[in-house]
Each structure stands twice: as structure tokens, then as C-alpha cells.
N, C-alpha and C. Protein backbone atom coordinates (compact mmCIF):
# COMPACT_ATOMS: atom_id res chain seq x y z
N MET A 1 -23.51 20.08 -8.98
CA MET A 1 -22.20 19.55 -8.61
C MET A 1 -22.39 18.18 -7.95
N THR A 2 -21.61 17.21 -8.35
CA THR A 2 -21.71 15.87 -7.78
C THR A 2 -20.99 15.80 -6.43
N THR A 3 -21.26 14.74 -5.70
CA THR A 3 -20.54 14.54 -4.44
C THR A 3 -19.04 14.42 -4.72
N PHE A 4 -18.68 13.74 -5.82
CA PHE A 4 -17.25 13.64 -6.13
C PHE A 4 -16.64 15.03 -6.33
N ASP A 5 -17.32 15.91 -7.07
CA ASP A 5 -16.78 17.25 -7.31
C ASP A 5 -16.54 17.99 -6.00
N THR A 6 -17.51 17.90 -5.09
CA THR A 6 -17.38 18.53 -3.78
C THR A 6 -16.23 17.90 -3.00
N ALA A 7 -16.18 16.57 -3.01
CA ALA A 7 -15.12 15.85 -2.30
C ALA A 7 -13.74 16.20 -2.87
N PHE A 8 -13.66 16.31 -4.17
CA PHE A 8 -12.39 16.65 -4.81
C PHE A 8 -11.91 18.03 -4.34
N MET A 9 -12.79 19.01 -4.36
CA MET A 9 -12.40 20.36 -3.95
C MET A 9 -11.98 20.38 -2.48
N TRP A 10 -12.65 19.60 -1.65
CA TRP A 10 -12.31 19.54 -0.23
C TRP A 10 -10.94 18.87 -0.06
N MET A 11 -10.74 17.76 -0.77
CA MET A 11 -9.48 17.03 -0.67
C MET A 11 -8.30 17.84 -1.20
N ILE A 12 -8.48 18.51 -2.32
CA ILE A 12 -7.35 19.20 -2.95
C ILE A 12 -6.82 20.32 -2.07
N THR A 13 -7.67 20.89 -1.21
CA THR A 13 -7.16 21.91 -0.29
C THR A 13 -6.20 21.29 0.73
N HIS A 14 -6.39 20.03 1.06
CA HIS A 14 -5.44 19.35 1.94
C HIS A 14 -4.16 19.00 1.20
N GLU A 15 -4.30 18.61 -0.03
CA GLU A 15 -3.12 18.20 -0.81
C GLU A 15 -2.23 19.38 -1.18
N VAL A 16 -2.80 20.49 -1.58
CA VAL A 16 -1.98 21.61 -2.04
C VAL A 16 -2.28 22.91 -1.30
N GLY A 17 -3.15 22.86 -0.32
CA GLY A 17 -3.53 24.07 0.39
C GLY A 17 -4.39 24.94 -0.50
N TRP A 18 -4.59 26.13 -0.08
CA TRP A 18 -5.45 27.04 -0.86
C TRP A 18 -4.72 27.63 -2.05
N ASP A 19 -3.41 27.46 -2.12
CA ASP A 19 -2.64 28.06 -3.21
C ASP A 19 -2.63 27.16 -4.44
N ILE A 20 -3.80 26.90 -4.99
CA ILE A 20 -3.91 26.06 -6.17
C ILE A 20 -3.34 26.76 -7.40
N VAL A 21 -3.25 28.10 -7.34
CA VAL A 21 -2.75 28.87 -8.47
C VAL A 21 -1.36 28.39 -8.88
N CYS A 22 -0.49 28.08 -7.91
CA CYS A 22 0.87 27.65 -8.24
C CYS A 22 0.91 26.16 -8.58
N GLY A 23 -0.22 25.49 -8.45
CA GLY A 23 -0.29 24.09 -8.86
C GLY A 23 0.16 23.11 -7.81
N GLY A 24 0.54 23.60 -6.66
CA GLY A 24 0.91 22.69 -5.59
C GLY A 24 2.08 21.79 -5.95
N TYR A 25 2.99 22.25 -6.76
CA TYR A 25 4.15 21.44 -7.16
C TYR A 25 5.15 21.37 -6.02
N THR A 26 5.59 20.13 -5.71
CA THR A 26 6.64 19.94 -4.71
C THR A 26 7.57 18.82 -5.16
N ASN A 27 8.75 18.86 -4.59
CA ASN A 27 9.71 17.77 -4.79
C ASN A 27 10.50 17.64 -3.49
N ASP A 28 9.78 17.30 -2.42
CA ASP A 28 10.33 17.21 -1.07
C ASP A 28 11.17 15.93 -0.95
N PRO A 29 12.44 16.06 -0.65
CA PRO A 29 13.29 14.87 -0.53
C PRO A 29 12.86 13.92 0.59
N ASP A 30 12.09 14.42 1.56
CA ASP A 30 11.60 13.57 2.64
C ASP A 30 10.28 12.87 2.29
N ASP A 31 9.69 13.25 1.18
CA ASP A 31 8.41 12.65 0.76
C ASP A 31 8.72 11.47 -0.16
N PRO A 32 8.32 10.25 0.23
CA PRO A 32 8.61 9.09 -0.61
C PRO A 32 7.92 9.12 -1.97
N GLY A 33 6.93 10.02 -2.14
CA GLY A 33 6.27 10.14 -3.44
C GLY A 33 7.11 10.86 -4.47
N GLY A 34 8.12 11.60 -3.97
CA GLY A 34 9.00 12.34 -4.87
C GLY A 34 8.28 13.52 -5.51
N GLU A 35 8.57 13.77 -6.76
CA GLU A 35 7.97 14.88 -7.50
C GLU A 35 6.44 14.74 -7.47
N THR A 36 5.77 15.82 -7.07
CA THR A 36 4.32 15.76 -6.87
C THR A 36 3.67 17.06 -7.32
N ARG A 37 2.51 16.94 -7.93
CA ARG A 37 1.70 18.11 -8.27
C ARG A 37 0.24 17.73 -8.06
N PHE A 38 -0.49 18.62 -7.40
CA PHE A 38 -1.89 18.38 -7.04
C PHE A 38 -2.05 17.07 -6.27
N GLY A 39 -0.99 16.67 -5.56
CA GLY A 39 -1.04 15.43 -4.80
C GLY A 39 -0.77 14.18 -5.62
N ILE A 40 -0.58 14.32 -6.92
CA ILE A 40 -0.27 13.17 -7.79
C ILE A 40 1.25 13.02 -7.84
N SER A 41 1.74 11.85 -7.42
CA SER A 41 3.19 11.68 -7.31
C SER A 41 3.76 10.88 -8.48
N LYS A 42 4.99 11.22 -8.79
CA LYS A 42 5.72 10.51 -9.85
C LYS A 42 5.92 9.05 -9.48
N ARG A 43 6.12 8.78 -8.19
CA ARG A 43 6.35 7.40 -7.75
C ARG A 43 5.21 6.48 -8.17
N PHE A 44 3.99 6.94 -8.00
CA PHE A 44 2.84 6.09 -8.31
C PHE A 44 2.29 6.32 -9.71
N HIS A 45 2.78 7.34 -10.39
CA HIS A 45 2.34 7.66 -11.75
C HIS A 45 3.57 7.98 -12.61
N PRO A 46 4.42 6.99 -12.82
CA PRO A 46 5.68 7.25 -13.54
C PRO A 46 5.50 7.73 -14.98
N ASP A 47 4.36 7.46 -15.58
CA ASP A 47 4.13 7.88 -16.96
C ASP A 47 3.49 9.26 -17.08
N VAL A 48 3.20 9.90 -15.95
CA VAL A 48 2.56 11.21 -15.98
C VAL A 48 3.63 12.29 -15.92
N ASP A 49 3.47 13.31 -16.77
CA ASP A 49 4.36 14.47 -16.76
C ASP A 49 3.92 15.37 -15.61
N ILE A 50 4.48 15.12 -14.44
CA ILE A 50 4.05 15.79 -13.21
C ILE A 50 4.21 17.31 -13.32
N ALA A 51 5.30 17.76 -13.84
CA ALA A 51 5.56 19.20 -13.92
C ALA A 51 4.49 19.94 -14.73
N ASN A 52 3.90 19.27 -15.71
CA ASN A 52 2.90 19.92 -16.58
C ASN A 52 1.48 19.41 -16.36
N LEU A 53 1.27 18.66 -15.31
CA LEU A 53 -0.05 18.12 -15.00
C LEU A 53 -1.04 19.25 -14.73
N THR A 54 -2.22 19.17 -15.34
CA THR A 54 -3.25 20.18 -15.09
C THR A 54 -4.18 19.71 -13.98
N ILE A 55 -4.93 20.64 -13.42
CA ILE A 55 -5.87 20.30 -12.37
C ILE A 55 -6.95 19.35 -12.89
N ASP A 56 -7.38 19.52 -14.13
CA ASP A 56 -8.39 18.63 -14.71
C ASP A 56 -7.86 17.22 -14.91
N GLU A 57 -6.60 17.11 -15.30
CA GLU A 57 -5.98 15.79 -15.44
C GLU A 57 -5.86 15.11 -14.08
N ALA A 58 -5.46 15.90 -13.08
CA ALA A 58 -5.35 15.35 -11.72
C ALA A 58 -6.73 14.89 -11.23
N LYS A 59 -7.75 15.69 -11.49
CA LYS A 59 -9.10 15.34 -11.06
C LYS A 59 -9.56 14.02 -11.69
N ALA A 60 -9.25 13.83 -12.96
CA ALA A 60 -9.61 12.59 -13.64
C ALA A 60 -8.89 11.39 -13.02
N ILE A 61 -7.64 11.57 -12.64
CA ILE A 61 -6.89 10.49 -11.97
C ILE A 61 -7.54 10.16 -10.63
N TYR A 62 -7.86 11.19 -9.86
CA TYR A 62 -8.49 10.96 -8.56
C TYR A 62 -9.85 10.26 -8.70
N LYS A 63 -10.61 10.63 -9.70
CA LYS A 63 -11.93 10.01 -9.89
C LYS A 63 -11.77 8.53 -10.20
N LYS A 64 -10.91 8.22 -11.14
CA LYS A 64 -10.75 6.83 -11.58
C LYS A 64 -10.01 5.97 -10.55
N GLU A 65 -8.89 6.48 -10.05
CA GLU A 65 -8.00 5.66 -9.23
C GLU A 65 -8.31 5.68 -7.74
N TYR A 66 -9.15 6.59 -7.33
CA TYR A 66 -9.50 6.65 -5.90
C TYR A 66 -11.01 6.50 -5.70
N TRP A 67 -11.77 7.51 -6.11
CA TRP A 67 -13.22 7.49 -5.87
C TRP A 67 -13.87 6.24 -6.44
N ASP A 68 -13.66 5.98 -7.73
CA ASP A 68 -14.30 4.82 -8.37
C ASP A 68 -13.73 3.51 -7.85
N ARG A 69 -12.42 3.43 -7.72
CA ARG A 69 -11.78 2.20 -7.25
C ARG A 69 -12.23 1.85 -5.83
N MET A 70 -12.47 2.87 -5.02
CA MET A 70 -12.93 2.63 -3.65
C MET A 70 -14.44 2.36 -3.60
N GLY A 71 -15.12 2.57 -4.71
CA GLY A 71 -16.57 2.32 -4.76
C GLY A 71 -17.34 3.25 -3.83
N LEU A 72 -17.06 4.55 -3.89
CA LEU A 72 -17.63 5.48 -2.92
C LEU A 72 -19.02 6.00 -3.26
N ASP A 73 -19.53 5.76 -4.46
CA ASP A 73 -20.86 6.27 -4.80
C ASP A 73 -21.95 5.76 -3.86
N PRO A 74 -22.02 4.45 -3.55
CA PRO A 74 -23.07 4.00 -2.62
C PRO A 74 -22.94 4.62 -1.23
N LEU A 75 -21.71 4.82 -0.77
CA LEU A 75 -21.49 5.48 0.52
C LEU A 75 -21.95 6.93 0.44
N ALA A 76 -21.63 7.60 -0.66
CA ALA A 76 -22.02 9.00 -0.84
C ALA A 76 -23.54 9.17 -0.88
N ASP A 77 -24.24 8.14 -1.35
CA ASP A 77 -25.70 8.21 -1.39
C ASP A 77 -26.31 8.33 0.00
N VAL A 78 -25.67 7.75 1.01
CA VAL A 78 -26.20 7.82 2.38
C VAL A 78 -25.44 8.81 3.26
N SER A 79 -24.18 9.09 2.91
CA SER A 79 -23.38 10.00 3.73
C SER A 79 -22.30 10.67 2.86
N PRO A 80 -22.67 11.76 2.18
CA PRO A 80 -21.67 12.46 1.38
C PRO A 80 -20.46 12.92 2.19
N ARG A 81 -20.70 13.29 3.45
CA ARG A 81 -19.59 13.74 4.30
C ARG A 81 -18.61 12.61 4.59
N MET A 82 -19.13 11.43 4.90
CA MET A 82 -18.24 10.29 5.17
C MET A 82 -17.52 9.87 3.90
N ALA A 83 -18.22 9.88 2.78
CA ALA A 83 -17.57 9.52 1.51
C ALA A 83 -16.42 10.49 1.22
N THR A 84 -16.63 11.76 1.50
CA THR A 84 -15.59 12.77 1.30
C THR A 84 -14.40 12.50 2.22
N LYS A 85 -14.68 12.18 3.48
CA LYS A 85 -13.61 11.93 4.46
C LYS A 85 -12.81 10.68 4.08
N VAL A 86 -13.50 9.62 3.68
CA VAL A 86 -12.82 8.38 3.29
C VAL A 86 -12.00 8.61 2.03
N PHE A 87 -12.54 9.35 1.08
CA PHE A 87 -11.81 9.68 -0.15
C PHE A 87 -10.53 10.45 0.17
N ASP A 88 -10.66 11.50 0.97
CA ASP A 88 -9.50 12.32 1.34
C ASP A 88 -8.44 11.48 2.04
N THR A 89 -8.87 10.63 2.94
CA THR A 89 -7.93 9.77 3.66
C THR A 89 -7.29 8.76 2.71
N GLY A 90 -8.08 8.23 1.77
CA GLY A 90 -7.56 7.29 0.78
C GLY A 90 -6.46 7.89 -0.06
N VAL A 91 -6.63 9.17 -0.40
CA VAL A 91 -5.59 9.87 -1.17
C VAL A 91 -4.32 9.98 -0.34
N ASN A 92 -4.47 10.19 0.95
CA ASN A 92 -3.32 10.44 1.82
C ASN A 92 -2.62 9.17 2.30
N VAL A 93 -3.39 8.12 2.62
CA VAL A 93 -2.76 6.93 3.21
C VAL A 93 -2.99 5.65 2.41
N GLY A 94 -3.79 5.73 1.38
CA GLY A 94 -4.10 4.55 0.57
C GLY A 94 -5.55 4.14 0.71
N GLN A 95 -6.10 3.63 -0.38
CA GLN A 95 -7.52 3.30 -0.41
C GLN A 95 -7.91 2.21 0.59
N PHE A 96 -7.13 1.16 0.65
CA PHE A 96 -7.46 0.05 1.54
C PHE A 96 -7.50 0.51 2.99
N LYS A 97 -6.46 1.21 3.42
CA LYS A 97 -6.42 1.68 4.81
C LYS A 97 -7.60 2.60 5.10
N ALA A 98 -7.88 3.52 4.21
CA ALA A 98 -8.96 4.48 4.43
C ALA A 98 -10.30 3.78 4.58
N SER A 99 -10.55 2.79 3.75
CA SER A 99 -11.81 2.03 3.83
C SER A 99 -11.85 1.19 5.10
N ARG A 100 -10.73 0.59 5.42
CA ARG A 100 -10.66 -0.22 6.64
C ARG A 100 -10.83 0.64 7.89
N TYR A 101 -10.31 1.88 7.86
CA TYR A 101 -10.48 2.78 9.00
C TYR A 101 -11.96 3.05 9.26
N LEU A 102 -12.77 3.12 8.20
CA LEU A 102 -14.20 3.30 8.39
C LEU A 102 -14.77 2.10 9.15
N GLN A 103 -14.39 0.92 8.75
CA GLN A 103 -14.89 -0.29 9.43
C GLN A 103 -14.39 -0.35 10.87
N THR A 104 -13.14 0.00 11.10
CA THR A 104 -12.60 0.03 12.45
C THR A 104 -13.36 1.03 13.31
N ALA A 105 -13.57 2.23 12.77
CA ALA A 105 -14.29 3.27 13.51
C ALA A 105 -15.70 2.81 13.86
N LEU A 106 -16.38 2.19 12.91
CA LEU A 106 -17.74 1.72 13.18
C LEU A 106 -17.74 0.62 14.24
N ASN A 107 -16.77 -0.27 14.18
CA ASN A 107 -16.66 -1.32 15.20
C ASN A 107 -16.39 -0.72 16.58
N LEU A 108 -15.57 0.31 16.64
CA LEU A 108 -15.28 0.96 17.93
C LEU A 108 -16.49 1.70 18.49
N CYS A 109 -17.36 2.15 17.59
CA CYS A 109 -18.59 2.83 18.03
C CYS A 109 -19.58 1.86 18.66
N GLU A 110 -19.49 0.62 18.28
CA GLU A 110 -20.42 -0.41 18.75
C GLU A 110 -19.58 -1.62 19.14
N PRO A 111 -19.05 -1.64 20.37
CA PRO A 111 -18.06 -2.65 20.73
C PRO A 111 -18.57 -4.08 20.92
N ASP A 112 -19.86 -4.33 20.74
CA ASP A 112 -20.38 -5.70 20.84
C ASP A 112 -19.79 -6.52 19.68
N THR A 113 -18.93 -7.46 20.01
CA THR A 113 -18.22 -8.21 18.97
C THR A 113 -19.14 -9.07 18.12
N HIS A 114 -20.35 -9.31 18.56
CA HIS A 114 -21.30 -10.10 17.76
C HIS A 114 -21.79 -9.32 16.54
N SER A 115 -21.67 -8.00 16.59
CA SER A 115 -22.13 -7.19 15.45
C SER A 115 -20.98 -6.52 14.72
N TRP A 116 -19.77 -6.98 14.96
CA TRP A 116 -18.62 -6.37 14.30
C TRP A 116 -18.60 -6.64 12.81
N LEU A 117 -18.08 -5.65 12.11
CA LEU A 117 -17.84 -5.80 10.68
C LEU A 117 -16.50 -6.48 10.47
N LEU A 118 -16.41 -7.24 9.42
CA LEU A 118 -15.11 -7.73 8.98
C LEU A 118 -14.36 -6.53 8.43
N GLU A 119 -13.18 -6.27 8.95
CA GLU A 119 -12.39 -5.11 8.51
C GLU A 119 -11.57 -5.51 7.29
N ASP A 120 -12.27 -5.64 6.17
CA ASP A 120 -11.65 -6.11 4.93
C ASP A 120 -11.33 -5.00 3.95
N GLY A 121 -11.65 -3.75 4.30
CA GLY A 121 -11.35 -2.64 3.42
C GLY A 121 -12.30 -2.51 2.24
N LEU A 122 -13.39 -3.26 2.25
CA LEU A 122 -14.38 -3.18 1.17
C LEU A 122 -15.65 -2.55 1.74
N ILE A 123 -16.02 -1.40 1.23
CA ILE A 123 -17.20 -0.71 1.73
C ILE A 123 -18.42 -1.25 0.99
N GLY A 124 -19.12 -2.14 1.66
CA GLY A 124 -20.29 -2.77 1.07
C GLY A 124 -21.55 -2.48 1.88
N PRO A 125 -22.61 -3.21 1.59
CA PRO A 125 -23.90 -2.97 2.25
C PRO A 125 -23.85 -3.07 3.78
N LYS A 126 -23.07 -3.98 4.33
CA LYS A 126 -23.00 -4.13 5.79
C LYS A 126 -22.33 -2.91 6.43
N THR A 127 -21.26 -2.44 5.80
CA THR A 127 -20.57 -1.25 6.31
C THR A 127 -21.50 -0.05 6.26
N ILE A 128 -22.19 0.12 5.16
CA ILE A 128 -23.10 1.26 4.99
C ILE A 128 -24.26 1.17 5.98
N ALA A 129 -24.82 -0.01 6.16
CA ALA A 129 -25.93 -0.19 7.10
C ALA A 129 -25.49 0.15 8.53
N LYS A 130 -24.29 -0.26 8.88
CA LYS A 130 -23.79 0.03 10.24
C LYS A 130 -23.56 1.53 10.41
N LEU A 131 -23.08 2.20 9.38
CA LEU A 131 -22.91 3.65 9.43
C LEU A 131 -24.25 4.33 9.66
N VAL A 132 -25.26 3.92 8.92
CA VAL A 132 -26.60 4.49 9.08
C VAL A 132 -27.10 4.27 10.50
N LYS A 133 -26.90 3.08 11.03
CA LYS A 133 -27.35 2.74 12.39
C LYS A 133 -26.66 3.60 13.44
N ILE A 134 -25.35 3.76 13.31
CA ILE A 134 -24.57 4.50 14.30
C ILE A 134 -24.77 6.00 14.17
N GLY A 135 -24.87 6.48 12.96
CA GLY A 135 -25.03 7.91 12.71
C GLY A 135 -23.76 8.54 12.20
N GLU A 136 -23.94 9.42 11.26
CA GLU A 136 -22.83 10.06 10.56
C GLU A 136 -21.90 10.84 11.50
N ASP A 137 -22.45 11.67 12.36
CA ASP A 137 -21.61 12.51 13.22
C ASP A 137 -20.73 11.69 14.16
N VAL A 138 -21.33 10.69 14.79
CA VAL A 138 -20.58 9.83 15.70
C VAL A 138 -19.48 9.08 14.93
N ALA A 139 -19.83 8.56 13.78
CA ALA A 139 -18.87 7.80 12.97
C ALA A 139 -17.73 8.69 12.47
N LEU A 140 -18.05 9.90 12.05
CA LEU A 140 -17.00 10.82 11.58
C LEU A 140 -16.02 11.16 12.70
N GLU A 141 -16.54 11.39 13.88
CA GLU A 141 -15.67 11.70 15.03
C GLU A 141 -14.73 10.53 15.34
N LYS A 142 -15.27 9.32 15.34
CA LYS A 142 -14.45 8.14 15.64
C LYS A 142 -13.44 7.90 14.50
N TYR A 143 -13.88 8.10 13.26
CA TYR A 143 -13.00 7.92 12.11
C TYR A 143 -11.78 8.85 12.23
N ALA A 144 -12.02 10.11 12.60
CA ALA A 144 -10.93 11.07 12.75
C ALA A 144 -9.91 10.59 13.78
N LYS A 145 -10.38 9.98 14.86
CA LYS A 145 -9.47 9.48 15.90
C LYS A 145 -8.66 8.28 15.40
N VAL A 146 -9.29 7.42 14.63
CA VAL A 146 -8.56 6.28 14.06
C VAL A 146 -7.50 6.78 13.08
N GLN A 147 -7.87 7.73 12.24
CA GLN A 147 -6.93 8.31 11.28
C GLN A 147 -5.75 8.97 12.01
N TYR A 148 -6.05 9.75 13.03
CA TYR A 148 -5.01 10.41 13.80
C TYR A 148 -4.06 9.39 14.44
N GLY A 149 -4.62 8.31 14.97
CA GLY A 149 -3.79 7.26 15.57
C GLY A 149 -2.78 6.70 14.60
N TYR A 150 -3.20 6.55 13.36
CA TYR A 150 -2.27 6.06 12.33
C TYR A 150 -1.14 7.07 12.11
N TYR A 151 -1.49 8.33 11.98
CA TYR A 151 -0.47 9.36 11.74
C TYR A 151 0.55 9.40 12.88
N VAL A 152 0.08 9.32 14.11
CA VAL A 152 0.99 9.34 15.26
C VAL A 152 1.93 8.14 15.21
N SER A 153 1.41 6.99 14.78
CA SER A 153 2.23 5.78 14.73
C SER A 153 3.39 5.88 13.74
N LEU A 154 3.29 6.79 12.80
CA LEU A 154 4.35 6.95 11.79
C LEU A 154 5.59 7.64 12.34
N ASP A 155 5.43 8.39 13.45
CA ASP A 155 6.55 9.08 14.10
C ASP A 155 7.32 9.95 13.09
N LYS A 156 6.60 10.84 12.43
CA LYS A 156 7.20 11.78 11.47
C LYS A 156 6.86 13.20 11.92
N PRO A 157 7.62 13.74 12.87
CA PRO A 157 7.30 15.06 13.44
C PRO A 157 7.16 16.17 12.40
N LYS A 158 7.88 16.08 11.30
CA LYS A 158 7.83 17.12 10.27
C LYS A 158 6.42 17.29 9.72
N TYR A 159 5.65 16.22 9.67
CA TYR A 159 4.34 16.25 9.04
C TYR A 159 3.16 16.21 10.01
N ILE A 160 3.42 15.96 11.29
CA ILE A 160 2.32 15.67 12.22
C ILE A 160 1.34 16.83 12.38
N LYS A 161 1.79 18.06 12.34
CA LYS A 161 0.87 19.19 12.49
C LYS A 161 -0.16 19.19 11.35
N GLY A 162 0.30 19.06 10.13
CA GLY A 162 -0.61 19.03 8.99
C GLY A 162 -1.49 17.80 8.98
N TRP A 163 -0.92 16.67 9.35
CA TRP A 163 -1.71 15.43 9.40
C TRP A 163 -2.79 15.50 10.48
N THR A 164 -2.45 16.10 11.62
CA THR A 164 -3.43 16.24 12.69
C THR A 164 -4.60 17.11 12.22
N LYS A 165 -4.28 18.20 11.57
CA LYS A 165 -5.34 19.07 11.03
C LYS A 165 -6.20 18.29 10.05
N ARG A 166 -5.56 17.53 9.20
CA ARG A 166 -6.29 16.76 8.19
C ARG A 166 -7.19 15.70 8.85
N ALA A 167 -6.67 15.02 9.87
CA ALA A 167 -7.46 13.99 10.55
C ALA A 167 -8.72 14.57 11.18
N PHE A 168 -8.59 15.71 11.82
CA PHE A 168 -9.72 16.25 12.57
C PHE A 168 -10.55 17.26 11.78
N ASP A 169 -10.20 17.48 10.53
CA ASP A 169 -11.01 18.32 9.66
C ASP A 169 -12.16 17.45 9.13
N ILE A 170 -13.37 17.82 9.47
CA ILE A 170 -14.55 17.03 9.13
C ILE A 170 -15.33 17.76 8.03
N PRO A 171 -15.62 17.09 6.93
CA PRO A 171 -16.38 17.73 5.84
C PRO A 171 -17.73 18.25 6.33
N GLY A 172 -18.05 19.44 5.87
CA GLY A 172 -19.35 20.00 6.20
C GLY A 172 -19.38 20.79 7.50
N GLU A 173 -18.27 20.81 8.23
CA GLU A 173 -18.21 21.63 9.45
C GLU A 173 -17.61 22.98 9.12
N ALA A 174 -18.09 23.99 9.81
CA ALA A 174 -17.59 25.34 9.58
C ALA A 174 -16.24 25.54 10.22
């Protein structure tokens, strides 16, 4: 099983919960994504037949439009857990924000401004090197706090309980 496969299974439990059997279909009027299945929304995929979307089709969309677009393979090579966390967050809040949150978290772990990363949302060699230097566990903890801070800033009480769980759920922890 590839890191993407593991990350996908971890992420999809956040998107549709454990009840994948029903396909996680929703059409919540409060959700700006509108009609959604397996976390794939009609708003961002107007040409996809959401009601009949299969899990394999959704997985292919996530691989191409999130994992590959975010360039997560090099990150997964050094930290599969962080790659999974960034992928899951990218699905929930957008790829750019999720990648930038990693850079923000790493900068907060090492507050010396002379060694700060440019928070450009591109996970490259400098971001990966800083993650290795700081350590996966410390970076994951800080990342969760940055992610949580974003959710709180949205002021959407209806979703905050689930978002809080998602922010502090760390891949690979029991």
C-alpha cells in the first residue's frame, strides 16, 4: 500500500465518517460545496455526477487534484504522517492553505526569524529540511494548533466540534 493509499483512507474517514457504505452523500444547505459525495463537491466539480460517484472515482480525483497537485510524494518520503495530515487539511481547507500551514507551523517551532521559511504554500526542499530538523512529532503538534486556529476564525459553531477533532487527529496515533 502506498502512502497515498493510507492517506486517502485516513482522510476519507474525516470526510464521510466510518459510514462509507452509504457513500457519504450530503446536500447540506449550509455547506458552500453543495451536493457532495465522498467529500467531492458539485461546486468544485460541476461536470461530475455526484450522486453516482464511486469511491474509486473519488480516490482518483483526490490523487490528481490534491496529492499530486500539492507535490506530497517528497514530503511523504521523509514524513508519511505529515504528508497525510497536510493532504487531509488540503482537502478540507484548500491545498495552498494546508501547505502554508506547514510552513507557518515550522516557523513557529523555530522562532528565529533568520531561519524562517517563506510561507509561499510550496512544499520544497527547504520546507522538508526544516521539518526533518525540527522533528515530525513537534511539527505535527504545532500544525494541529495552526489548523485549529483557522477553524476557530471561521466562527461556524455548527461545524467546530468536527473541525476540532479533525485538527487534533494526528495520523499514526492510536
